[in-house]
Amino acid sequence: MPKGYWIATVDVHDPEAYKAYVQANAAAFAKYGARFVVRGGRSEVMEGKSRARNVVIEFKDYDTALACYRSPEYAAAVALRKPASEADLIVVEGYDGVQPGGA
């Protein structure tokens, strides 16, 4: 079964308030087995637009990724994030099919 991912781009305009969101989201992420694949770090926009911060979070499957986003634990964290930042977030199913080169 393919994994599920959150892909988020974020502009933080109140770093101190955003810290409360980071602390609060830990409860939901622990409950749903989230694993950060990308959490900030260096980036360069090659095409299109982006925000200052990029995040990719992996879950065991798509349904778990959705359940985490829709959970009361994450809703409480979102209430802290929204006043401190602007974000775009999608939940996407991973791909387990054939890769280039047939591997």
PDB file of N, CA and C in Angstrom:
ATOM      1  N   MET A   1       0.846  -1.182   0.000  1.00  0.00           N
ATOM      2  CA  MET A   1       0.000   0.000   0.000  1.00  0.00           C
ATOM      3  C   MET A   1       0.889   1.244   0.000  1.00  0.00           C
ATOM      4  N   PRO A   2       0.613   2.199  -0.880  1.00  0.00           N
ATOM      5  CA  PRO A   2       1.430   3.413  -0.942  1.00  0.00           C
ATOM      6  C   PRO A   2       1.314   4.242   0.336  1.00  0.00           C
ATOM      7  N   LYS A   3       2.373   4.925   0.657  1.00  0.00           N
ATOM      8  CA  LYS A   3       2.372   5.826   1.806  1.00  0.00           C
ATOM      9  C   LYS A   3       1.576   7.076   1.477  1.00  0.00           C
ATOM     10  N   GLY A   4       1.229   7.818   2.509  1.00  0.00           N
ATOM     11  CA  GLY A   4       0.563   9.103   2.352  1.00  0.00           C
ATOM     12  C   GLY A   4       1.508  10.207   2.780  1.00  0.00           C
ATOM     13  N   TYR A   5       1.345  11.365   2.176  1.00  0.00           N
ATOM     14  CA  TYR A   5       2.232  12.498   2.464  1.00  0.00           C
ATOM     15  C   TYR A   5       1.446  13.781   2.626  1.00  0.00           C
ATOM     16  N   TRP A   6       1.931  14.618   3.512  1.00  0.00           N
ATOM     17  CA  TRP A   6       1.525  16.010   3.540  1.00  0.00           C
ATOM     18  C   TRP A   6       2.641  16.771   2.854  1.00  0.00           C
ATOM     19  N   ILE A   7       2.284  17.672   1.972  1.00  0.00           N
ATOM     20  CA  ILE A   7       3.243  18.572   1.363  1.00  0.00           C
ATOM     21  C   ILE A   7       2.759  19.986   1.678  1.00  0.00           C
ATOM     22  N   ALA A   8       3.582  20.713   2.410  1.00  0.00           N
ATOM     23  CA  ALA A   8       3.184  22.047   2.849  1.00  0.00           C
ATOM     24  C   ALA A   8       4.254  23.068   2.496  1.00  0.00           C
ATOM     25  N   THR A   9       3.792  24.257   2.134  1.00  0.00           N
ATOM     26  CA  THR A   9       4.671  25.412   1.981  1.00  0.00           C
ATOM     27  C   THR A   9       4.135  26.491   2.904  1.00  0.00           C
ATOM     28  N   VAL A  10       5.040  27.130   3.631  1.00  0.00           N
ATOM     29  CA  VAL A  10       4.615  28.022   4.706  1.00  0.00           C
ATOM     30  C   VAL A  10       5.461  29.291   4.717  1.00  0.00           C
ATOM     31  N   ASP A  11       4.801  30.405   4.932  1.00  0.00           N
ATOM     32  CA  ASP A  11       5.463  31.668   5.253  1.00  0.00           C
ATOM     33  C   ASP A  11       5.102  31.988   6.701  1.00  0.00           C
ATOM     34  N   VAL A  12       6.086  32.036   7.552  1.00  0.00           N
ATOM     35  CA  VAL A  12       5.875  32.346   8.974  1.00  0.00           C
ATOM     36  C   VAL A  12       6.105  33.833   9.173  1.00  0.00           C
ATOM     37  N   HIS A  13       5.097  34.537   9.693  1.00  0.00           N
ATOM     38  CA  HIS A  13       5.262  35.969   9.936  1.00  0.00           C
ATOM     39  C   HIS A  13       5.329  36.297  11.424  1.00  0.00           C
ATOM     40  N   ASP A  14       5.132  35.309  12.292  1.00  0.00           N
ATOM     41  CA  ASP A  14       5.304  35.500  13.734  1.00  0.00           C
ATOM     42  C   ASP A  14       6.017  34.264  14.289  1.00  0.00           C
ATOM     43  N   PRO A  15       7.344  34.239  14.206  1.00  0.00           N
ATOM     44  CA  PRO A  15       8.097  33.047  14.620  1.00  0.00           C
ATOM     45  C   PRO A  15       7.852  32.624  16.069  1.00  0.00           C
ATOM     46  N   GLU A  16       7.694  33.567  16.962  1.00  0.00           N
ATOM     47  CA  GLU A  16       7.453  33.202  18.364  1.00  0.00           C
ATOM     48  C   GLU A  16       6.119  32.482  18.525  1.00  0.00           C
ATOM     49  N   ALA A  17       5.072  32.995  17.910  1.00  0.00           N
ATOM     50  CA  ALA A  17       3.760  32.340  17.981  1.00  0.00           C
ATOM     51  C   ALA A  17       3.780  31.001  17.253  1.00  0.00           C
ATOM     52  N   TYR A  18       4.554  30.898  16.184  1.00  0.00           N
ATOM     53  CA  TYR A  18       4.638  29.649  15.406  1.00  0.00           C
ATOM     54  C   TYR A  18       5.238  28.521  16.245  1.00  0.00           C
ATOM     55  N   LYS A  19       6.088  28.857  17.194  1.00  0.00           N
ATOM     56  CA  LYS A  19       6.670  27.835  18.077  1.00  0.00           C
ATOM     57  C   LYS A  19       5.586  27.079  18.842  1.00  0.00           C
ATOM     58  N   ALA A  20       4.509  27.763  19.214  1.00  0.00           N
ATOM     59  CA  ALA A  20       3.405  27.104  19.917  1.00  0.00           C
ATOM     60  C   ALA A  20       2.739  26.072  19.014  1.00  0.00           C
ATOM     61  N   TYR A  21       2.609  26.384  17.728  1.00  0.00           N
ATOM     62  CA  TYR A  21       2.064  25.421  16.763  1.00  0.00           C
ATOM     63  C   TYR A  21       2.967  24.190  16.664  1.00  0.00           C
ATOM     64  N   VAL A  22       4.262  24.404  16.569  1.00  0.00           N
ATOM     65  CA  VAL A  22       5.202  23.287  16.447  1.00  0.00           C
ATOM     66  C   VAL A  22       5.098  22.372  17.670  1.00  0.00           C
ATOM     67  N   GLN A  23       4.976  22.947  18.846  1.00  0.00           N
ATOM     68  CA  GLN A  23       4.815  22.135  20.054  1.00  0.00           C
ATOM     69  C   GLN A  23       3.487  21.396  20.041  1.00  0.00           C
ATOM     70  N   ALA A  24       2.426  22.060  19.609  1.00  0.00           N
ATOM     71  CA  ALA A  24       1.089  21.458  19.620  1.00  0.00           C
ATOM     72  C   ALA A  24       0.924  20.365  18.570  1.00  0.00           C
ATOM     73  N   ASN A  25       1.562  20.499  17.416  1.00  0.00           N
ATOM     74  CA  ASN A  25       1.362  19.492  16.377  1.00  0.00           C
ATOM     75  C   ASN A  25       2.016  18.163  16.723  1.00  0.00           C
ATOM     76  N   ALA A  26       2.931  18.155  17.676  1.00  0.00           N
ATOM     77  CA  ALA A  26       3.626  16.924  18.059  1.00  0.00           C
ATOM     78  C   ALA A  26       2.663  15.841  18.540  1.00  0.00           C
ATOM     79  N   ALA A  27       1.584  16.214  19.200  1.00  0.00           N
ATOM     80  CA  ALA A  27       0.623  15.215  19.698  1.00  0.00           C
ATOM     81  C   ALA A  27      -0.039  14.475  18.539  1.00  0.00           C
ATOM     82  N   ALA A  28      -0.491  15.212  17.538  1.00  0.00           N
ATOM     83  CA  ALA A  28      -1.124  14.570  16.381  1.00  0.00           C
ATOM     84  C   ALA A  28      -0.111  13.749  15.598  1.00  0.00           C
ATOM     85  N   PHE A  29       1.072  14.288  15.395  1.00  0.00           N
ATOM     86  CA  PHE A  29       2.077  13.577  14.606  1.00  0.00           C
ATOM     87  C   PHE A  29       2.513  12.288  15.289  1.00  0.00           C
ATOM     88  N   ALA A  30       2.642  12.298  16.607  1.00  0.00           N
ATOM     89  CA  ALA A  30       2.997  11.072  17.336  1.00  0.00           C
ATOM     90  C   ALA A  30       1.862  10.046  17.248  1.00  0.00           C
ATOM     91  N   LYS A  31       0.635  10.496  17.419  1.00  0.00           N
ATOM     92  CA  LYS A  31      -0.519   9.591  17.390  1.00  0.00           C
ATOM     93  C   LYS A  31      -0.660   8.887  16.039  1.00  0.00           C
ATOM     94  N   TYR A  32      -0.361   9.589  14.953  1.00  0.00           N
ATOM     95  CA  TYR A  32      -0.565   9.037  13.612  1.00  0.00           C
ATOM     96  C   TYR A  32       0.723   8.563  12.938  1.00  0.00           C
ATOM     97  N   GLY A  33       1.801   8.506  13.690  1.00  0.00           N
ATOM     98  CA  GLY A  33       3.043   7.949  13.163  1.00  0.00           C
ATOM     99  C   GLY A  33       3.707   8.777  12.081  1.00  0.00           C
ATOM    100  N   ALA A  34       3.585  10.082  12.151  1.00  0.00           N
ATOM    101  CA  ALA A  34       4.175  10.966  11.141  1.00  0.00           C
ATOM    102  C   ALA A  34       5.696  10.917  11.199  1.00  0.00           C
ATOM    103  N   ARG A  35       6.297  11.059  10.028  1.00  0.00           N
ATOM    104  CA  ARG A  35       7.760  11.117   9.927  1.00  0.00           C
ATOM    105  C   ARG A  35       8.124  12.248   8.978  1.00  0.00           C
ATOM    106  N   PHE A  36       8.920  13.200   9.479  1.00  0.00           N
ATOM    107  CA  PHE A  36       9.347  14.307   8.628  1.00  0.00           C
ATOM    108  C   PHE A  36      10.355  13.808   7.600  1.00  0.00           C
ATOM    109  N   VAL A  37      10.080  14.095   6.343  1.00  0.00           N
ATOM    110  CA  VAL A  37      11.000  13.810   5.247  1.00  0.00           C
ATOM    111  C   VAL A  37      11.747  15.099   4.891  1.00  0.00           C
ATOM    112  N   VAL A  38      11.019  16.195   4.886  1.00  0.00           N
ATOM    113  CA  VAL A  38      11.582  17.534   4.659  1.00  0.00           C
ATOM    114  C   VAL A  38      11.005  18.425   5.747  1.00  0.00           C
ATOM    115  N   ARG A  39      11.873  19.193   6.397  1.00  0.00           N
ATOM    116  CA  ARG A  39      11.404  20.115   7.445  1.00  0.00           C
ATOM    117  C   ARG A  39      12.254  21.369   7.385  1.00  0.00           C
ATOM    118  N   GLY A  40      11.861  22.272   6.516  1.00  0.00           N
ATOM    119  CA  GLY A  40      12.665  23.471   6.312  1.00  0.00           C
ATOM    120  C   GLY A  40      13.866  23.128   5.442  1.00  0.00           C
ATOM    121  N   GLY A  41      15.014  23.566   5.834  1.00  0.00           N
ATOM    122  CA  GLY A  41      16.216  23.270   5.070  1.00  0.00           C
ATOM    123  C   GLY A  41      16.344  24.151   3.838  1.00  0.00           C
ATOM    124  N   ARG A  42      17.459  23.976   3.162  1.00  0.00           N
ATOM    125  CA  ARG A  42      17.729  24.788   1.973  1.00  0.00           C
ATOM    126  C   ARG A  42      16.802  24.374   0.841  1.00  0.00           C
ATOM    127  N   SER A  43      16.432  25.352   0.037  1.00  0.00           N
ATOM    128  CA  SER A  43      15.620  25.070  -1.148  1.00  0.00           C
ATOM    129  C   SER A  43      15.857  26.166  -2.173  1.00  0.00           C
ATOM    130  N   GLU A  44      15.543  25.850  -3.400  1.00  0.00           N
ATOM    131  CA  GLU A  44      15.655  26.804  -4.491  1.00  0.00           C
ATOM    132  C   GLU A  44      14.491  26.564  -5.439  1.00  0.00           C
ATOM    133  N   VAL A  45      13.714  27.582  -5.702  1.00  0.00           N
ATOM    134  CA  VAL A  45      12.585  27.460  -6.619  1.00  0.00           C
ATOM    135  C   VAL A  45      13.130  27.369  -8.039  1.00  0.00           C
ATOM    136  N   MET A  46      12.836  26.271  -8.705  1.00  0.00           N
ATOM    137  CA  MET A  46      13.298  26.072 -10.071  1.00  0.00           C
ATOM    138  C   MET A  46      12.234  26.494 -11.085  1.00  0.00           C
ATOM    139  N   GLU A  47      10.963  26.335 -10.712  1.00  0.00           N
ATOM    140  CA  GLU A  47       9.844  26.750 -11.564  1.00  0.00           C
ATOM    141  C   GLU A  47       8.681  27.117 -10.650  1.00  0.00           C
ATOM    142  N   GLY A  48       7.874  28.033 -11.090  1.00  0.00           N
ATOM    143  CA  GLY A  48       6.679  28.382 -10.339  1.00  0.00           C
ATOM    144  C   GLY A  48       6.976  29.190  -9.092  1.00  0.00           C
ATOM    145  N   LYS A  49       6.106  29.037  -8.088  1.00  0.00           N
ATOM    146  CA  LYS A  49       6.185  29.816  -6.861  1.00  0.00           C
ATOM    147  C   LYS A  49       6.316  28.882  -5.673  1.00  0.00           C
ATOM    148  N   SER A  50       6.811  29.409  -4.592  1.00  0.00           N
ATOM    149  CA  SER A  50       6.906  28.668  -3.346  1.00  0.00           C
ATOM    150  C   SER A  50       6.815  29.645  -2.196  1.00  0.00           C
ATOM    151  N   ARG A  51       6.793  29.115  -1.021  1.00  0.00           N
ATOM    152  CA  ARG A  51       6.865  29.919   0.193  1.00  0.00           C
ATOM    153  C   ARG A  51       8.236  29.697   0.815  1.00  0.00           C
ATOM    154  N   ALA A  52       8.516  30.381   1.893  1.00  0.00           N
ATOM    155  CA  ALA A  52       9.842  30.345   2.499  1.00  0.00           C
ATOM    156  C   ALA A  52      10.183  28.987   3.114  1.00  0.00           C
ATOM    157  N   ARG A  53       9.195  28.288   3.649  1.00  0.00           N
ATOM    158  CA  ARG A  53       9.442  27.035   4.371  1.00  0.00           C
ATOM    159  C   ARG A  53       8.711  25.912   3.656  1.00  0.00           C
ATOM    160  N   ASN A  54       9.406  24.793   3.441  1.00  0.00           N
ATOM    161  CA  ASN A  54       8.820  23.618   2.791  1.00  0.00           C
ATOM    162  C   ASN A  54       8.862  22.439   3.751  1.00  0.00           C
ATOM    163  N   VAL A  55       7.768  21.676   3.788  1.00  0.00           N
ATOM    164  CA  VAL A  55       7.675  20.541   4.696  1.00  0.00           C
ATOM    165  C   VAL A  55       7.016  19.378   3.957  1.00  0.00           C
ATOM    166  N   VAL A  56       7.599  18.186   4.113  1.00  0.00           N
ATOM    167  CA  VAL A  56       6.989  16.948   3.616  1.00  0.00           C
ATOM    168  C   VAL A  56       6.956  15.991   4.790  1.00  0.00           C
ATOM    169  N   ILE A  57       5.765  15.476   5.091  1.00  0.00           N
ATOM    170  CA  ILE A  57       5.577  14.552   6.209  1.00  0.00           C
ATOM    171  C   ILE A  57       5.007  13.250   5.658  1.00  0.00           C
ATOM    172  N   GLU A  58       5.605  12.147   6.057  1.00  0.00           N
ATOM    173  CA  GLU A  58       5.215  10.823   5.571  1.00  0.00           C
ATOM    174  C   GLU A  58       4.360  10.098   6.615  1.00  0.00           C
ATOM    175  N   PHE A  59       3.332   9.398   6.123  1.00  0.00           N
ATOM    176  CA  PHE A  59       2.461   8.569   6.951  1.00  0.00           C
ATOM    177  C   PHE A  59       2.409   7.173   6.358  1.00  0.00           C
ATOM    178  N   LYS A  60       1.948   6.199   7.133  1.00  0.00           N
ATOM    179  CA  LYS A  60       1.953   4.814   6.638  1.00  0.00           C
ATOM    180  C   LYS A  60       1.083   4.627   5.411  1.00  0.00           C
ATOM    181  N   ASP A  61       0.041   5.462   5.254  1.00  0.00           N
ATOM    182  CA  ASP A  61      -0.811   5.395   4.066  1.00  0.00           C
ATOM    183  C   ASP A  61      -1.626   6.683   3.954  1.00  0.00           C
ATOM    184  N   TYR A  62      -2.315   6.820   2.845  1.00  0.00           N
ATOM    185  CA  TYR A  62      -3.090   8.024   2.548  1.00  0.00           C
ATOM    186  C   TYR A  62      -4.189   8.259   3.593  1.00  0.00           C
ATOM    187  N   ASP A  63      -4.893   7.193   3.971  1.00  0.00           N
ATOM    188  CA  ASP A  63      -5.982   7.350   4.939  1.00  0.00           C
ATOM    189  C   ASP A  63      -5.476   7.853   6.287  1.00  0.00           C
ATOM    190  N   THR A  64      -4.314   7.400   6.702  1.00  0.00           N
ATOM    191  CA  THR A  64      -3.734   7.866   7.955  1.00  0.00           C
ATOM    192  C   THR A  64      -3.340   9.337   7.852  1.00  0.00           C
ATOM    193  N   ALA A  65      -2.812   9.732   6.701  1.00  0.00           N
ATOM    194  CA  ALA A  65      -2.462  11.143   6.493  1.00  0.00           C
ATOM    195  C   ALA A  65      -3.708  12.027   6.598  1.00  0.00           C
ATOM    196  N   LEU A  66      -4.808  11.581   5.994  1.00  0.00           N
ATOM    197  CA  LEU A  66      -6.061  12.338   6.091  1.00  0.00           C
ATOM    198  C   LEU A  66      -6.582  12.368   7.517  1.00  0.00           C
ATOM    199  N   ALA A  67      -6.541  11.219   8.199  1.00  0.00           N
ATOM    200  CA  ALA A  67      -7.040  11.141   9.573  1.00  0.00           C
ATOM    201  C   ALA A  67      -6.273  12.087  10.490  1.00  0.00           C
ATOM    202  N   CYS A  68      -4.968  12.183  10.307  1.00  0.00           N
ATOM    203  CA  CYS A  68      -4.174  13.086  11.124  1.00  0.00           C
ATOM    204  C   CYS A  68      -4.620  14.529  10.888  1.00  0.00           C
ATOM    205  N   TYR A  69      -4.759  14.921   9.634  1.00  0.00           N
ATOM    206  CA  TYR A  69      -5.159  16.298   9.344  1.00  0.00           C
ATOM    207  C   TYR A  69      -6.537  16.606   9.941  1.00  0.00           C
ATOM    208  N   ARG A  70      -7.423  15.659   9.888  1.00  0.00           N
ATOM    209  CA  ARG A  70      -8.803  15.858  10.354  1.00  0.00           C
ATOM    210  C   ARG A  70      -8.982  15.616  11.850  1.00  0.00           C
ATOM    211  N   SER A  71      -7.925  15.286  12.553  1.00  0.00           N
ATOM    212  CA  SER A  71      -8.014  14.934  13.977  1.00  0.00           C
ATOM    213  C   SER A  71      -8.230  16.167  14.850  1.00  0.00           C
ATOM    214  N   PRO A  72      -8.840  15.981  16.014  1.00  0.00           N
ATOM    215  CA  PRO A  72      -8.980  17.097  16.955  1.00  0.00           C
ATOM    216  C   PRO A  72      -7.623  17.605  17.448  1.00  0.00           C
ATOM    217  N   GLU A  73      -6.652  16.707  17.549  1.00  0.00           N
ATOM    218  CA  GLU A  73      -5.319  17.122  17.979  1.00  0.00           C
ATOM    219  C   GLU A  73      -4.704  18.102  16.984  1.00  0.00           C
ATOM    220  N   TYR A  74      -4.839  17.793  15.695  1.00  0.00           N
ATOM    221  CA  TYR A  74      -4.251  18.699  14.711  1.00  0.00           C
ATOM    222  C   TYR A  74      -5.090  19.969  14.560  1.00  0.00           C
ATOM    223  N   ALA A  75      -6.389  19.870  14.725  1.00  0.00           N
ATOM    224  CA  ALA A  75      -7.236  21.072  14.665  1.00  0.00           C
ATOM    225  C   ALA A  75      -6.802  22.082  15.725  1.00  0.00           C
ATOM    226  N   ALA A  76      -6.450  21.596  16.901  1.00  0.00           N
ATOM    227  CA  ALA A  76      -5.979  22.488  17.960  1.00  0.00           C
ATOM    228  C   ALA A  76      -4.669  23.163  17.548  1.00  0.00           C
ATOM    229  N   ALA A  77      -3.794  22.419  16.877  1.00  0.00           N
ATOM    230  CA  ALA A  77      -2.528  22.989  16.405  1.00  0.00           C
ATOM    231  C   ALA A  77      -2.769  24.019  15.303  1.00  0.00           C
ATOM    232  N   VAL A  78      -3.684  23.727  14.388  1.00  0.00           N
ATOM    233  CA  VAL A  78      -3.984  24.651  13.294  1.00  0.00           C
ATOM    234  C   VAL A  78      -4.470  25.996  13.836  1.00  0.00           C
ATOM    235  N   ALA A  79      -5.247  25.958  14.897  1.00  0.00           N
ATOM    236  CA  ALA A  79      -5.735  27.203  15.497  1.00  0.00           C
ATOM    237  C   ALA A  79      -4.574  28.087  15.956  1.00  0.00           C
ATOM    238  N   LEU A  80      -3.453  27.474  16.307  1.00  0.00           N
ATOM    239  CA  LEU A  80      -2.257  28.228  16.695  1.00  0.00           C
ATOM    240  C   LEU A  80      -1.437  28.662  15.484  1.00  0.00           C
ATOM    241  N   ARG A  81      -1.465  27.850  14.425  1.00  0.00           N
ATOM    242  CA  ARG A  81      -0.667  28.142  13.227  1.00  0.00           C
ATOM    243  C   ARG A  81      -1.231  29.298  12.416  1.00  0.00           C
ATOM    244  N   LYS A  82      -2.532  29.304  12.225  1.00  0.00           N
ATOM    245  CA  LYS A  82      -3.130  30.275  11.299  1.00  0.00           C
ATOM    246  C   LYS A  82      -2.818  31.736  11.620  1.00  0.00           C
ATOM    247  N   PRO A  83      -2.860  32.170  12.878  1.00  0.00           N
ATOM    248  CA  PRO A  83      -2.527  33.571  13.133  1.00  0.00           C
ATOM    249  C   PRO A  83      -1.039  33.896  12.936  1.00  0.00           C
ATOM    250  N   ALA A  84      -0.199  32.880  12.932  1.00  0.00           N
ATOM    251  CA  ALA A  84       1.254  33.090  12.866  1.00  0.00           C
ATOM    252  C   ALA A  84       1.845  32.890  11.486  1.00  0.00           C
ATOM    253  N   SER A  85       1.025  32.401  10.519  1.00  0.00           N
ATOM    254  CA  SER A  85       1.612  32.041   9.227  1.00  0.00           C
ATOM    255  C   SER A  85       0.559  31.973   8.130  1.00  0.00           C
ATOM    256  N   GLU A  86       1.054  31.872   6.904  1.00  0.00           N
ATOM    257  CA  GLU A  86       0.238  31.576   5.723  1.00  0.00           C
ATOM    258  C   GLU A  86       0.754  30.247   5.198  1.00  0.00           C
ATOM    259  N   ALA A  87      -0.149  29.328   4.855  1.00  0.00           N
ATOM    260  CA  ALA A  87       0.312  28.009   4.424  1.00  0.00           C
ATOM    261  C   ALA A  87      -0.563  27.451   3.313  1.00  0.00           C
ATOM    262  N   ASP A  88       0.048  26.626   2.492  1.00  0.00           N
ATOM    263  CA  ASP A  88      -0.650  25.773   1.538  1.00  0.00           C
ATOM    264  C   ASP A  88      -0.273  24.346   1.919  1.00  0.00           C
ATOM    265  N   LEU A  89      -1.257  23.468   2.006  1.00  0.00           N
ATOM    266  CA  LEU A  89      -0.998  22.095   2.421  1.00  0.00           C
ATOM    267  C   LEU A  89      -1.867  21.155   1.598  1.00  0.00           C
ATOM    268  N   ILE A  90      -1.245  20.126   1.046  1.00  0.00           N
ATOM    269  CA  ILE A  90      -2.005  19.097   0.352  1.00  0.00           C
ATOM    270  C   ILE A  90      -1.674  17.752   0.966  1.00  0.00           C
ATOM    271  N   VAL A  91      -2.616  16.829   0.879  1.00  0.00           N
ATOM    272  CA  VAL A  91      -2.392  15.438   1.263  1.00  0.00           C
ATOM    273  C   VAL A  91      -2.395  14.645  -0.035  1.00  0.00           C
ATOM    274  N   VAL A  92      -1.360  13.845  -0.224  1.00  0.00           N
ATOM    275  CA  VAL A  92      -1.202  13.122  -1.483  1.00  0.00           C
ATOM    276  C   VAL A  92      -0.807  11.669  -1.206  1.00  0.00           C
ATOM    277  N   GLU A  93      -1.289  10.794  -2.068  1.00  0.00           N
ATOM    278  CA  GLU A  93      -0.921   9.382  -1.972  1.00  0.00           C
ATOM    279  C   GLU A  93       0.400   9.162  -2.698  1.00  0.00           C
ATOM    280  N   GLY A  94       1.279   8.388  -2.091  1.00  0.00           N
ATOM    281  CA  GLY A  94       2.562   8.057  -2.701  1.00  0.00           C
ATOM    282  C   GLY A  94       2.391   7.136  -3.894  1.00  0.00           C
ATOM    283  N   TYR A  95       3.498   6.804  -4.517  1.00  0.00           N
ATOM    284  CA  TYR A  95       3.511   5.980  -5.726  1.00  0.00           C
ATOM    285  C   TYR A  95       4.409   4.776  -5.488  1.00  0.00           C
ATOM    286  N   ASP A  96       3.870   3.589  -5.712  1.00  0.00           N
ATOM    287  CA  ASP A  96       4.637   2.354  -5.541  1.00  0.00           C
ATOM    288  C   ASP A  96       4.858   1.622  -6.860  1.00  0.00           C
ATOM    289  N   GLY A  97       4.616   2.277  -7.963  1.00  0.00           N
ATOM    290  CA  GLY A  97       4.703   1.631  -9.274  1.00  0.00           C
ATOM    291  C   GLY A  97       6.125   1.554  -9.813  1.00  0.00           C
ATOM    292  N   VAL A  98       6.198   1.192 -11.070  1.00  0.00           N
ATOM    293  CA  VAL A  98       7.465   1.050 -11.775  1.00  0.00           C
ATOM    294  C   VAL A  98       8.176   2.396 -11.855  1.00  0.00           C
ATOM    295  N   GLN A  99       9.468   2.381 -11.631  1.00  0.00           N
ATOM    296  CA  GLN A  99      10.281   3.589 -11.694  1.00  0.00           C
ATOM    297  C   GLN A  99      11.055   3.633 -13.008  1.00  0.00           C
ATOM    298  N   PRO A 100      11.551   4.804 -13.379  1.00  0.00           N
ATOM    299  CA  PRO A 100      12.349   4.900 -14.600  1.00  0.00           C
ATOM    300  C   PRO A 100      13.490   3.878 -14.566  1.00  0.00           C
ATOM    301  N   GLY A 101      13.743   3.266 -15.677  1.00  0.00           N
ATOM    302  CA  GLY A 101      14.772   2.241 -15.735  1.00  0.00           C
ATOM    303  C   GLY A 101      14.254   0.850 -15.349  1.00  0.00           C
ATOM    304  N   GLY A 102      12.955   0.774 -15.033  1.00  0.00           N
ATOM    305  CA  GLY A 102      12.330  -0.517 -14.713  1.00  0.00           C
ATOM    306  C   GLY A 102      12.572  -1.016 -13.328  1.00  0.00           C
ATOM    307  N   ALA A 103      13.218  -0.238 -12.461  1.00  0.00           N
ATOM    308  CA  ALA A 103      13.520  -0.693 -11.108  1.00  0.00           C
ATOM    309  C   ALA A 103      12.319  -0.534 -10.194  1.00  0.00           C
TER     310      ALA A 103
END
